[in-house]
Amino acid sequence: MSTDDIRDGVSLTNLDQPLFEGAKATKRDLVDYLDAAADRILPGLRGRPLSVIRVLRGQQPFMQKNLPKYAPPWLGRVRLWAASSHREVEYALCEDRRALLWFGNQRAVEYHPTLMRAERWDRPTHLVMDIDPPDGGPFSVAVAAVRLVSRALAEVGMSGAVKTSGAKGLHVFVPITETSLVDAAAATRALAARAERLDPDLATTAFIREDRDGKVFLDATRAGGATVVAVYSPRIRPGTPVSFPVPWEDLDRVTPADFTLGNAANLLADSDPWTELMPAEQPVAPVLLEEGHELPVARVQAMHEGKRRARARREAGAARQSGGSHSTGGHGHQLTEEEAAATFEAPSWEERYSGETHVWSGNPNPQLVTEVSGMAPGTALDVGCGEGGDVVWLARHGWRVTGADFSANGLARAARHAEEAGVADRTDWWQVDARTFTPDGRSYDLVTTHFLHPPEGGMVEVVGRLSEAVAPGGHLLVVGHAPSEAFGHLSASQHRAMFLAQDLLPGLPDGFEALVVEQRPRTMTRDGVTVDVHDSTLLARRTR
């Protein structure tokens, strides 16, 4: 069987490649399913700005909002302001079978449309409640919680349809007549609060995870510019489950794993249960609007509460420090070794980079600016580039830069930032773990890494690996945190990962000349507190 195909004018390639690890499916299975179910999938996508989650071969999944420049001109698109990321985004519009097949060929597995249509960006079409059971909790508790939502709707004369999320929970969709974004968000908050009051031992509206006490979270934040995975969309989960509609009376007899890429098309046959189960548009009950506008916005409330707790931790730490304790520096909470171990691995950073908020400032690291400003631009490799602040700075100063990181979400963010800065044509991206890095025949005039801290003294080995990528006459710049009491909130293993510049010298192979080996003082702000730290700085030149 050929690994390529053409359907509706769309070239489909490498169809027999595995979709992702644990998918139990190939790219062909994805394309075949999208094709078979297109007339059921497309009504939930048409006219709605679309984000997709793609999974390229051998890489971690990443969300794509901005339509790539190589997208075909016939693909629908719309430019809208994304308030969460403070920028204009060119979203795709998936209007027909051809567009859906093109996305399938791009290995877009998940489809996340907005709750508004592009032509009415101020008017959501549904209220949505996301039922999120606790980690490790059985699906039955999600079912019990979603029945609370059904009861709360019935009490105000409204109704909705329910589908599996394709992960571990459920989504309730309530079609509404013309309602503003603000009113829809308020009504959803009120609905969640009413459902919580029906059984507060089972369900909670607590936005901060640590406050949920093992209860089912009634997530009322799917409003405004938020997206929700589309009905019939596959999910990037083991076995490739599909978000699938379920009659209310059948919820006790199903699990999310019952609906997969392998059987969803056969289960649908010629039917469209989502359309059949969805009630007609209905006005939002006035009592929900009245109650909802009196309730705080969950994300805003959580932000203020988080700041309050951080301030309390700082004050408690300062009190302990003044009493002679040296177990903490008074900034943040003391990490357990289990929490610390996670920070050295890619999944922790994938999660950290999965939201919309910037993790770093976007400014270049100061030692990079100090050392590189006087160098003639050439080719550069930035390892551990994160969101790409250093990559963008280098590209703006004439360098041709490769940004490398083990986080696919971080690289996706970095690529967006490069595009926004107008330097996308001077940058490219490489997903790689510095601990196993090999240059594969590539060499650069500058290789740099900032604040990369592999565990258990692993930075010496990383320096040796990065040195192999430096071209003759080129430079290696390594900057990291020097051990300091300012990092008292970190675990013992994280402290062991810090280094002095001279600690790294054994990693330099023959043929390198160390130009700078020192700890440079710098002031930084954490949780609103100014602290003095030192940047361990090693600059070396390859002489042969």
Protein backbone atom coordinates (compact mmCIF):
# COMPACT_ATOMS: atom_id res chain seq x y z
CA MET A 1 0.00 0.00 0.00
CA SER A 2 1.33 3.42 -0.88
CA THR A 3 2.23 5.67 2.00
CA ASP A 4 0.94 8.70 0.05
CA ASP A 5 -2.49 9.66 -1.29
CA ILE A 6 -4.40 12.60 -2.78
CA ARG A 7 -7.95 13.42 -1.66
CA ASP A 8 -9.96 16.46 -2.65
CA GLY A 9 -6.78 17.95 -4.11
CA VAL A 10 -4.85 17.59 -0.83
CA SER A 11 -1.60 15.64 -0.92
CA LEU A 12 -1.39 13.24 2.01
CA THR A 13 2.05 11.92 2.91
CA ASN A 14 3.71 9.37 5.19
CA LEU A 15 0.36 7.88 6.04
CA ASP A 16 1.72 4.70 7.58
CA GLN A 17 3.79 6.46 10.22
CA PRO A 18 2.70 5.92 13.84
CA LEU A 19 0.59 8.83 15.00
CA PHE A 20 2.30 9.16 18.39
CA GLU A 21 3.60 6.86 21.08
CA GLY A 22 0.71 4.91 22.59
CA ALA A 23 -1.77 6.03 19.93
CA LYS A 24 -2.40 2.51 18.59
CA ALA A 25 -3.01 4.29 15.30
CA THR A 26 -1.22 5.62 12.25
CA LYS A 27 -1.47 8.92 10.45
CA ARG A 28 -3.62 7.07 7.88
CA ASP A 29 -6.06 6.11 10.65
CA LEU A 30 -6.35 9.78 11.62
CA VAL A 31 -6.93 10.95 8.06
CA ASP A 32 -9.41 8.15 7.34
CA TYR A 33 -11.41 8.99 10.47
CA LEU A 34 -11.47 12.73 9.74
CA ASP A 35 -12.61 11.96 6.20
CA ALA A 36 -15.32 9.54 7.27
CA ALA A 37 -16.68 11.82 10.00
CA ALA A 38 -16.10 15.15 8.24
CA ASP A 39 -19.79 15.97 7.81
CA ARG A 40 -20.28 15.49 11.58
CA ILE A 41 -17.06 17.23 12.69
CA LEU A 42 -17.28 20.31 10.46
CA PRO A 43 -20.49 21.84 11.87
CA GLY A 44 -18.67 22.37 15.17
CA LEU A 45 -15.70 24.03 13.42
CA ARG A 46 -17.18 26.16 10.63
CA GLY A 47 -16.86 29.88 11.14
CA ARG A 48 -14.99 29.47 14.42
CA PRO A 49 -11.35 30.52 14.92
CA LEU A 50 -9.50 27.25 15.34
CA SER A 51 -6.52 26.14 17.40
CA VAL A 52 -5.14 22.66 16.83
CA ILE A 53 -2.78 20.43 18.75
CA ARG A 54 -0.25 18.81 16.45
CA VAL A 55 2.17 16.02 17.19
CA LEU A 56 5.10 15.76 14.81
CA ARG A 57 6.97 12.51 14.53
CA GLY A 58 9.35 12.01 17.45
CA GLN A 59 8.33 15.28 19.11
CA GLN A 60 6.05 16.37 21.92
CA PRO A 61 2.56 17.72 21.08
CA PHE A 62 2.16 21.48 20.73
CA MET A 63 -0.79 23.84 20.27
CA GLN A 64 -0.84 25.92 17.09
CA LYS A 65 -3.02 29.03 17.00
CA ASN A 66 -1.30 31.18 14.39
CA LEU A 67 -1.76 29.79 10.91
CA PRO A 68 1.71 28.96 9.51
CA LYS A 69 2.95 30.94 6.52
CA TYR A 70 3.09 27.80 4.37
CA ALA A 71 -0.68 27.23 4.72
CA PRO A 72 -2.36 27.08 1.29
CA PRO A 73 -4.05 30.31 0.14
CA TRP A 74 -7.44 28.60 -0.20
CA LEU A 75 -7.56 27.82 3.54
CA GLY A 76 -9.96 30.09 5.43
CA ARG A 77 -8.47 32.48 7.98
CA VAL A 78 -9.32 35.42 10.19
CA ARG A 79 -7.16 37.87 12.14
CA LEU A 80 -8.35 38.58 15.67
CA TRP A 81 -6.89 40.12 18.78
CA ALA A 82 -6.02 37.48 21.39
CA ALA A 83 -6.36 39.22 24.74
CA SER A 84 -4.65 36.39 26.64
CA SER A 85 -1.42 36.73 24.64
CA HIS A 86 -1.77 40.47 23.88
CA ARG A 87 -1.29 40.11 20.15
CA GLU A 88 -3.15 39.71 16.88
CA VAL A 89 -3.45 36.09 15.78
CA GLU A 90 -4.28 34.77 12.31
CA TYR A 91 -6.54 31.85 13.13
CA ALA A 92 -7.53 29.17 10.66
CA LEU A 93 -11.14 28.58 9.70
CA CYS A 94 -11.84 24.93 8.93
CA GLU A 95 -14.77 25.23 6.55
CA ASP A 96 -14.80 22.06 4.47
CA ARG A 97 -13.48 18.54 3.89
CA ARG A 98 -10.41 19.81 2.05
CA ALA A 99 -9.38 21.98 5.01
CA LEU A 100 -9.92 19.11 7.46
CA LEU A 101 -7.80 16.79 5.33
CA TRP A 102 -5.05 19.42 5.14
CA PHE A 103 -4.99 19.65 8.93
CA GLY A 104 -4.91 15.87 9.18
CA ASN A 105 -1.89 15.78 6.91
CA GLN A 106 -0.26 18.34 9.24
CA ARG A 107 -0.72 15.78 12.01
CA ALA A 108 -3.29 17.98 13.76
CA VAL A 109 -4.92 15.48 16.10
CA GLU A 110 -6.97 17.75 18.39
CA TYR A 111 -9.35 20.51 17.23
CA HIS A 112 -10.17 23.34 19.64
CA PRO A 113 -12.59 25.95 18.24
CA THR A 114 -13.73 29.06 20.09
CA LEU A 115 -17.22 29.39 21.56
CA MET A 116 -17.85 32.35 19.26
CA ARG A 117 -18.06 32.61 15.50
CA ALA A 118 -15.63 34.91 13.75
CA GLU A 119 -18.34 37.23 12.46
CA ARG A 120 -19.82 37.62 15.98
CA TRP A 121 -16.77 37.67 18.20
CA ASP A 122 -18.79 39.28 20.98
CA ARG A 123 -21.51 36.60 21.11
CA PRO A 124 -20.85 33.06 22.42
CA THR A 125 -23.15 30.37 21.10
CA HIS A 126 -23.08 28.11 24.19
CA LEU A 127 -22.52 28.03 27.90
CA VAL A 128 -19.96 25.30 28.60
CA MET A 129 -19.20 23.49 31.85
CA ASP A 130 -16.06 21.37 32.04
CA ILE A 131 -16.36 18.51 34.54
CA ASP A 132 -12.86 17.62 35.74
CA PRO A 133 -12.53 14.67 38.15
CA PRO A 134 -9.52 14.55 40.49
CA ASP A 135 -6.37 12.77 39.40
CA GLY A 136 -6.90 9.05 39.84
CA GLY A 137 -10.61 9.48 40.47
CA PRO A 138 -13.03 7.12 38.73
CA PHE A 139 -15.15 8.33 35.83
CA SER A 140 -18.23 7.63 37.95
CA VAL A 141 -17.54 10.72 40.08
CA ALA A 142 -17.51 12.87 36.94
CA VAL A 143 -20.87 11.34 35.99
CA ALA A 144 -22.27 12.10 39.44
CA ALA A 145 -21.03 15.69 39.19
CA VAL A 146 -22.40 16.24 35.70
CA ARG A 147 -25.82 15.18 36.97
CA LEU A 148 -25.60 18.03 39.48
CA VAL A 149 -25.13 20.41 36.55
CA SER A 150 -28.14 18.87 34.81
CA ARG A 151 -30.25 19.39 37.95
CA ALA A 152 -29.05 22.96 38.32
CA LEU A 153 -30.00 23.66 34.70
CA ALA A 154 -33.42 22.10 35.12
CA GLU A 155 -34.08 24.25 38.21
CA VAL A 156 -33.83 27.39 36.08
CA GLY A 157 -35.67 25.95 33.08
CA MET A 158 -32.64 25.23 30.89
CA SER A 159 -31.06 22.11 29.40
CA GLY A 160 -27.95 20.98 27.55
CA ALA A 161 -26.14 18.08 25.93
CA VAL A 162 -23.17 16.19 27.32
CA LYS A 163 -20.11 14.63 25.71
CA THR A 164 -16.95 12.97 26.95
CA SER A 165 -13.98 15.30 26.90
CA GLY A 166 -11.89 12.53 25.38
CA ALA A 167 -9.62 12.75 28.43
CA LYS A 168 -10.99 11.92 31.87
CA GLY A 169 -14.00 14.22 32.19
CA LEU A 170 -17.17 15.52 30.58
CA HIS A 171 -18.37 18.69 28.84
CA VAL A 172 -21.88 20.13 29.10
CA PHE A 173 -22.93 22.40 26.22
CA VAL A 174 -25.97 24.66 26.62
CA PRO A 175 -27.01 26.45 23.38
CA ILE A 176 -28.11 30.03 24.07
CA THR A 177 -29.76 32.87 22.26
CA GLU A 178 -27.90 36.15 21.80
CA THR A 179 -25.94 36.86 24.99
CA SER A 180 -22.89 39.00 25.63
CA LEU A 181 -19.55 37.53 26.66
CA VAL A 182 -19.78 39.08 30.09
CA ASP A 183 -23.28 37.74 30.70
CA ALA A 184 -22.39 34.26 29.43
CA ALA A 185 -19.40 34.10 31.75
CA ALA A 186 -21.51 35.26 34.70
CA ALA A 187 -24.24 32.70 33.96
CA THR A 188 -21.67 29.90 33.80
CA ARG A 189 -20.24 30.93 37.18
CA ALA A 190 -23.71 30.90 38.70
CA LEU A 191 -24.52 27.52 37.19
CA ALA A 192 -21.35 26.04 38.68
CA ALA A 193 -22.08 27.54 42.08
CA ARG A 194 -25.62 26.15 42.07
CA ALA A 195 -24.37 22.69 41.11
CA GLU A 196 -21.74 22.81 43.85
CA ARG A 197 -24.36 23.66 46.48
CA LEU A 198 -26.34 20.55 45.53
CA ASP A 199 -23.51 18.31 46.80
CA PRO A 200 -20.52 20.22 48.20
CA ASP A 201 -18.90 16.95 49.34
CA LEU A 202 -18.67 15.81 45.72
CA ALA A 203 -18.10 18.95 43.64
CA THR A 204 -16.16 22.18 43.99
CA THR A 205 -15.66 25.42 42.08
CA ALA A 206 -12.24 26.02 43.68
CA PHE A 207 -9.93 27.20 40.90
CA ILE A 208 -6.73 26.59 42.90
CA ARG A 209 -5.99 22.89 42.66
CA GLU A 210 -4.72 22.51 46.22
CA ASP A 211 -8.08 23.78 47.51
CA ARG A 212 -10.17 21.08 45.82
CA ASP A 213 -9.63 18.36 48.43
CA GLY A 214 -10.05 15.51 45.98
CA LYS A 215 -13.42 16.74 44.70
CA VAL A 216 -14.66 17.05 41.12
CA PHE A 217 -13.86 20.50 39.71
CA LEU A 218 -16.73 22.31 38.03
CA ASP A 219 -14.72 24.51 35.66
CA ALA A 220 -16.77 27.55 34.72
CA THR A 221 -13.92 29.37 32.98
CA ARG A 222 -14.75 28.16 29.46
CA ALA A 223 -15.98 31.58 28.39
CA GLY A 224 -14.74 34.61 26.50
CA GLY A 225 -11.94 33.70 24.11
CA ALA A 226 -11.47 30.23 25.60
CA THR A 227 -11.57 27.14 23.41
CA VAL A 228 -13.05 23.71 24.06
CA VAL A 229 -12.14 20.52 22.26
CA ALA A 230 -14.68 19.95 19.48
CA VAL A 231 -17.16 17.13 19.53
CA TYR A 232 -15.82 14.11 17.60
CA SER A 233 -12.24 15.43 17.92
CA PRO A 234 -9.55 12.84 18.67
CA ARG A 235 -7.33 13.44 21.69
CA ILE A 236 -3.60 12.88 22.18
CA ARG A 237 -4.01 10.26 24.87
CA PRO A 238 -3.16 6.56 25.02
CA GLY A 239 -5.40 4.73 22.56
CA THR A 240 -6.44 8.02 20.88
CA PRO A 241 -9.87 8.51 22.47
CA VAL A 242 -12.45 10.71 20.78
CA SER A 243 -14.67 13.34 22.41
CA PHE A 244 -18.07 11.74 21.91
CA PRO A 245 -21.72 12.62 22.70
CA VAL A 246 -23.57 10.48 25.23
CA PRO A 247 -27.29 10.52 26.07
CA TRP A 248 -27.83 11.56 29.68
CA GLU A 249 -29.44 8.22 30.47
CA ASP A 250 -26.42 6.28 29.18
CA LEU A 251 -23.71 8.01 31.22
CA ASP A 252 -23.52 5.24 33.82
CA ARG A 253 -22.80 2.68 31.10
CA VAL A 254 -19.82 4.29 29.33
CA THR A 255 -16.27 5.48 29.91
CA PRO A 256 -14.18 7.88 27.80
CA ALA A 257 -12.09 4.93 26.57
CA ASP A 258 -15.18 3.45 24.86
CA PHE A 259 -14.86 5.96 22.01
CA THR A 260 -11.61 5.89 20.03
CA LEU A 261 -10.13 6.72 16.67
CA GLY A 262 -10.50 3.04 15.84
CA ASN A 263 -14.24 2.72 16.43
CA ALA A 264 -15.79 6.19 16.42
CA ALA A 265 -16.64 6.22 12.71
CA ASN A 266 -18.40 2.84 12.99
CA LEU A 267 -20.28 3.99 16.09
CA LEU A 268 -21.50 7.03 14.19
CA ALA A 269 -22.42 5.16 11.00
CA ASP A 270 -24.79 7.63 9.31
CA SER A 271 -25.96 9.33 12.51
CA ASP A 272 -25.01 12.60 14.22
CA PRO A 273 -25.90 12.11 17.90
CA TRP A 274 -24.55 15.54 18.92
CA THR A 275 -27.06 17.30 16.69
CA GLU A 276 -29.80 14.92 17.78
CA LEU A 277 -29.11 15.38 21.51
CA MET A 278 -28.57 19.15 21.46
CA PRO A 279 -31.62 21.14 22.62
CA ALA A 280 -32.74 24.28 20.83
CA GLU A 281 -31.21 27.65 21.59
CA GLN A 282 -32.64 29.10 24.79
CA PRO A 283 -32.44 32.42 26.59
CA VAL A 284 -30.17 32.50 29.62
CA ALA A 285 -32.23 32.36 32.81
CA PRO A 286 -32.29 35.84 34.40
CA VAL A 287 -31.56 34.35 37.83
CA LEU A 288 -28.23 33.02 36.54
CA LEU A 289 -27.26 36.47 35.30
CA GLU A 290 -28.27 38.08 38.58
CA GLU A 291 -26.37 35.58 40.70
CA GLY A 292 -23.39 35.30 38.40
CA HIS A 293 -22.61 39.00 38.36
CA GLU A 294 -22.30 38.85 42.15
CA LEU A 295 -19.69 36.08 42.01
CA PRO A 296 -15.95 36.76 41.57
CA VAL A 297 -14.19 35.75 38.36
CA ALA A 298 -12.33 32.55 39.25
CA ARG A 299 -9.02 33.34 37.56
CA VAL A 300 -8.86 36.84 39.02
CA GLN A 301 -9.78 35.58 42.48
CA ALA A 302 -7.14 32.84 42.22
CA MET A 303 -4.50 35.36 41.13
CA HIS A 304 -5.13 37.57 44.16
CA GLU A 305 -5.27 34.58 46.48
CA GLY A 306 -2.01 33.27 45.05
CA LYS A 307 -0.34 36.62 45.70
CA ARG A 308 -1.75 36.69 49.24
CA ARG A 309 -0.39 33.21 49.95
CA ALA A 310 3.00 34.04 48.46
CA ARG A 311 3.18 37.13 50.65
CA ALA A 312 2.24 35.06 53.70
CA ARG A 313 4.97 32.52 52.87
CA ARG A 314 7.53 35.31 52.52
CA GLU A 315 6.52 36.83 55.83
CA ALA A 316 6.61 33.44 57.55
CA GLY A 317 10.02 32.74 56.03
CA ALA A 318 11.34 36.12 57.16
CA ALA A 319 10.06 35.42 60.67
CA ARG A 320 11.80 32.04 60.73
CA GLN A 321 14.97 33.58 59.34
CA SER A 322 15.00 36.31 62.00
CA GLY A 323 14.58 33.58 64.61
CA GLY A 324 17.80 31.89 63.46
CA SER A 325 16.39 29.26 61.09
CA HIS A 326 18.40 28.57 57.93
CA SER A 327 16.11 25.96 56.38
CA THR A 328 14.60 28.47 53.97
CA GLY A 329 15.51 31.72 52.35
CA GLY A 330 11.98 32.99 52.84
CA HIS A 331 11.01 32.99 49.13
CA GLY A 332 8.38 30.53 47.93
CA HIS A 333 7.71 27.11 49.47
CA GLN A 334 10.30 24.48 50.19
CA LEU A 335 10.23 22.00 47.31
CA THR A 336 10.16 18.30 48.10
CA GLU A 337 12.72 16.10 46.34
CA GLU A 338 9.87 14.58 44.31
CA GLU A 339 8.76 18.04 43.13
CA ALA A 340 12.35 18.99 42.42
CA ALA A 341 13.00 15.85 40.37
CA ALA A 342 10.11 16.79 38.07
CA THR A 343 11.66 20.19 37.33
CA PHE A 344 14.60 18.48 35.60
CA GLU A 345 12.38 16.69 33.08
CA ALA A 346 10.54 17.77 29.92
CA PRO A 347 6.91 17.12 31.07
CA SER A 348 7.26 19.73 33.83
CA TRP A 349 8.33 22.33 31.27
CA GLU A 350 5.70 21.27 28.76
CA GLU A 351 3.10 22.02 31.42
CA ARG A 352 4.78 25.27 32.37
CA TYR A 353 4.78 26.46 28.77
CA SER A 354 1.27 25.17 27.98
CA GLY A 355 -0.60 28.29 29.09
CA GLU A 356 -0.82 31.72 27.54
CA THR A 357 1.10 33.70 30.17
CA HIS A 358 4.76 34.43 29.50
CA VAL A 359 7.04 32.45 31.81
CA TRP A 360 10.06 34.72 31.29
CA SER A 361 10.37 38.44 30.65
CA GLY A 362 11.40 38.12 27.00
CA ASN A 363 14.47 40.26 27.66
CA PRO A 364 17.91 38.88 26.75
CA ASN A 365 20.06 37.54 29.56
CA PRO A 366 22.48 40.28 30.64
CA GLN A 367 25.68 38.22 30.37
CA LEU A 368 24.77 37.37 26.76
CA VAL A 369 24.49 41.07 25.95
CA THR A 370 27.75 41.81 27.77
CA GLU A 371 29.82 39.16 26.00
CA VAL A 372 28.29 39.01 22.53
CA SER A 373 27.69 42.68 21.74
CA GLY A 374 31.25 43.08 20.50
CA MET A 375 31.34 39.89 18.39
CA ALA A 376 30.89 39.83 14.63
CA PRO A 377 27.54 38.15 13.84
CA GLY A 378 27.59 34.64 12.42
CA THR A 379 25.76 31.44 13.22
CA ALA A 380 24.57 30.73 16.77
CA LEU A 381 23.04 27.88 18.74
CA ASP A 382 21.10 28.68 21.95
CA VAL A 383 20.51 25.50 23.98
CA GLY A 384 17.72 25.63 26.55
CA CYS A 385 16.22 28.58 24.69
CA GLY A 386 12.80 28.38 26.37
CA GLU A 387 10.53 31.11 25.01
CA GLY A 388 13.32 32.45 22.81
CA GLY A 389 14.29 35.80 24.35
CA ASP A 390 17.99 35.28 23.64
CA VAL A 391 17.30 33.86 20.18
CA VAL A 392 15.30 36.94 19.22
CA TRP A 393 17.98 39.30 20.56
CA LEU A 394 20.73 37.51 18.64
CA ALA A 395 18.69 37.47 15.42
CA ARG A 396 17.96 41.19 15.76
CA HIS A 397 21.71 41.77 15.99
CA GLY A 398 22.46 39.98 12.75
CA TRP A 399 23.00 36.40 13.87
CA ARG A 400 21.49 33.35 12.16
CA VAL A 401 20.19 31.44 15.18
CA THR A 402 19.04 27.93 16.02
CA GLY A 403 17.01 27.74 19.23
CA ALA A 404 17.12 24.35 20.94
CA ASP A 405 15.06 23.07 23.86
CA PHE A 406 13.54 19.82 25.07
CA SER A 407 10.08 21.42 25.41
CA ALA A 408 7.93 21.43 22.27
CA ASN A 409 5.61 23.99 23.84
CA GLY A 410 8.58 26.21 24.65
CA LEU A 411 9.84 25.99 21.07
CA ALA A 412 6.37 26.79 19.74
CA ARG A 413 6.27 29.89 21.92
CA ALA A 414 9.78 30.86 20.84
CA ALA A 415 8.85 30.51 17.18
CA ARG A 416 5.83 32.76 17.69
CA HIS A 417 7.96 35.36 19.46
CA ALA A 418 10.49 35.30 16.62
CA GLU A 419 7.70 35.79 14.11
CA GLU A 420 6.24 38.68 16.12
CA ALA A 421 9.70 40.26 16.31
CA GLY A 422 10.12 40.01 12.53
CA VAL A 423 13.12 37.68 12.70
CA ALA A 424 11.51 34.35 11.80
CA ASP A 425 13.58 34.22 8.63
CA ARG A 426 16.78 34.27 10.72
CA THR A 427 15.76 31.53 13.16
CA ASP A 428 15.10 27.82 13.20
CA TRP A 429 14.30 25.35 15.96
CA TRP A 430 15.62 22.06 17.25
CA GLN A 431 13.97 19.89 19.90
CA VAL A 432 16.78 18.22 21.82
CA ASP A 433 17.71 17.36 25.40
CA ALA A 434 21.04 18.97 26.32
CA ARG A 435 21.95 15.92 28.40
CA THR A 436 22.05 13.74 25.28
CA PHE A 437 22.98 16.46 22.77
CA THR A 438 25.20 15.66 19.82
CA PRO A 439 25.86 18.22 17.04
CA ASP A 440 25.26 15.72 14.22
CA GLY A 441 27.83 17.45 12.02
CA ARG A 442 26.56 20.96 12.67
CA SER A 443 28.87 23.73 13.91
CA TYR A 444 28.28 27.31 15.01
CA ASP A 445 30.28 30.46 15.57
CA LEU A 446 28.59 30.86 18.96
CA VAL A 447 27.08 28.22 21.23
CA THR A 448 25.36 29.56 24.32
CA THR A 449 23.21 28.33 27.17
CA HIS A 450 21.78 30.24 30.10
CA PHE A 451 20.54 28.82 33.40
CA LEU A 452 20.50 25.23 32.24
CA HIS A 453 20.95 23.13 35.38
CA PRO A 454 20.90 19.37 34.82
CA PRO A 455 20.86 17.31 38.04
CA GLU A 456 23.77 15.94 40.02
CA GLY A 457 26.58 17.98 38.50
CA GLY A 458 25.60 17.07 34.96
CA MET A 459 26.56 20.48 33.60
CA VAL A 460 30.20 19.47 33.19
CA GLU A 461 29.17 16.75 30.73
CA VAL A 462 26.81 19.18 28.96
CA VAL A 463 29.69 21.64 28.49
CA GLY A 464 31.67 18.86 26.79
CA ARG A 465 28.74 18.06 24.51
CA LEU A 466 28.11 21.70 23.58
CA SER A 467 31.84 22.24 22.89
CA GLU A 468 31.60 19.77 20.02
CA ALA A 469 29.24 22.16 18.21
CA VAL A 470 31.61 25.16 18.33
CA ALA A 471 33.32 25.94 15.02
CA PRO A 472 37.09 26.69 14.99
CA GLY A 473 37.52 30.29 16.12
CA GLY A 474 34.03 30.26 17.64
CA HIS A 475 32.90 30.85 21.22
CA LEU A 476 31.10 28.91 23.94
CA LEU A 477 29.19 30.96 26.54
CA VAL A 478 27.73 29.18 29.58
CA VAL A 479 25.88 31.09 32.32
CA GLY A 480 24.17 29.66 35.38
CA HIS A 481 23.18 30.27 38.97
CA ALA A 482 25.97 30.25 41.51
CA PRO A 483 25.01 28.63 44.84
CA SER A 484 23.44 31.24 47.10
CA GLU A 485 21.24 31.65 50.17
CA ALA A 486 18.86 33.52 47.86
CA PHE A 487 17.75 30.12 46.60
CA GLY A 488 16.89 28.74 50.01
CA HIS A 489 13.45 27.65 48.83
CA LEU A 490 14.97 25.07 46.46
CA SER A 491 15.62 21.44 47.27
CA ALA A 492 18.98 19.84 47.99
CA SER A 493 19.12 18.32 44.49
CA GLN A 494 18.43 21.71 42.89
CA HIS A 495 21.25 23.25 44.93
CA ARG A 496 23.57 20.49 43.75
CA ALA A 497 22.67 21.38 40.15
CA MET A 498 24.07 24.91 40.60
CA PHE A 499 27.71 25.53 39.77
CA LEU A 500 30.63 27.91 39.85
CA ALA A 501 32.25 28.86 36.55
CA GLN A 502 35.48 27.11 37.47
CA ASP A 503 33.55 23.89 38.12
CA LEU A 504 32.89 23.65 34.38
CA LEU A 505 36.51 23.84 33.19
CA PRO A 506 36.98 20.05 33.22
CA GLY A 507 34.26 19.84 30.56
CA LEU A 508 36.25 21.87 28.04
CA PRO A 509 38.17 19.63 25.62
CA ASP A 510 41.65 20.35 24.34
CA GLY A 511 41.76 23.22 21.87
CA PHE A 512 39.67 25.62 23.95
CA GLU A 513 40.93 28.77 25.69
CA ALA A 514 38.95 30.03 28.70
CA LEU A 515 38.48 33.82 28.38
CA VAL A 516 36.10 34.51 31.27
CA VAL A 517 35.75 32.36 34.40
CA GLU A 518 33.95 34.30 37.11
CA GLN A 519 30.82 34.88 39.20
CA ARG A 520 29.17 38.19 38.31
CA PRO A 521 26.82 39.94 40.76
CA ARG A 522 23.31 40.72 39.64
CA THR A 523 20.10 41.91 41.30
CA MET A 524 16.87 40.05 40.59
CA THR A 525 13.28 40.31 41.79
CA ARG A 526 11.28 37.29 42.91
CA ASP A 527 7.73 37.48 44.31
CA GLY A 528 8.19 41.23 44.66
CA VAL A 529 11.38 40.89 46.72
CA THR A 530 14.76 42.12 45.46
CA VAL A 531 17.64 39.69 46.04
CA ASP A 532 21.33 39.68 45.16
CA VAL A 533 22.60 36.72 43.16
CA HIS A 534 25.70 35.80 41.15
CA ASP A 535 25.78 34.52 37.57
CA SER A 536 28.49 31.89 37.05
CA THR A 537 29.93 32.89 33.66
CA LEU A 538 32.24 30.84 31.44
CA LEU A 539 33.31 32.17 28.05
CA ALA A 540 35.72 30.04 26.03
CA ARG A 541 37.09 30.23 22.47
CA ARG A 542 37.92 27.27 20.27
CA THR A 543 41.45 27.76 18.98
CA ARG A 544 41.57 24.78 16.65
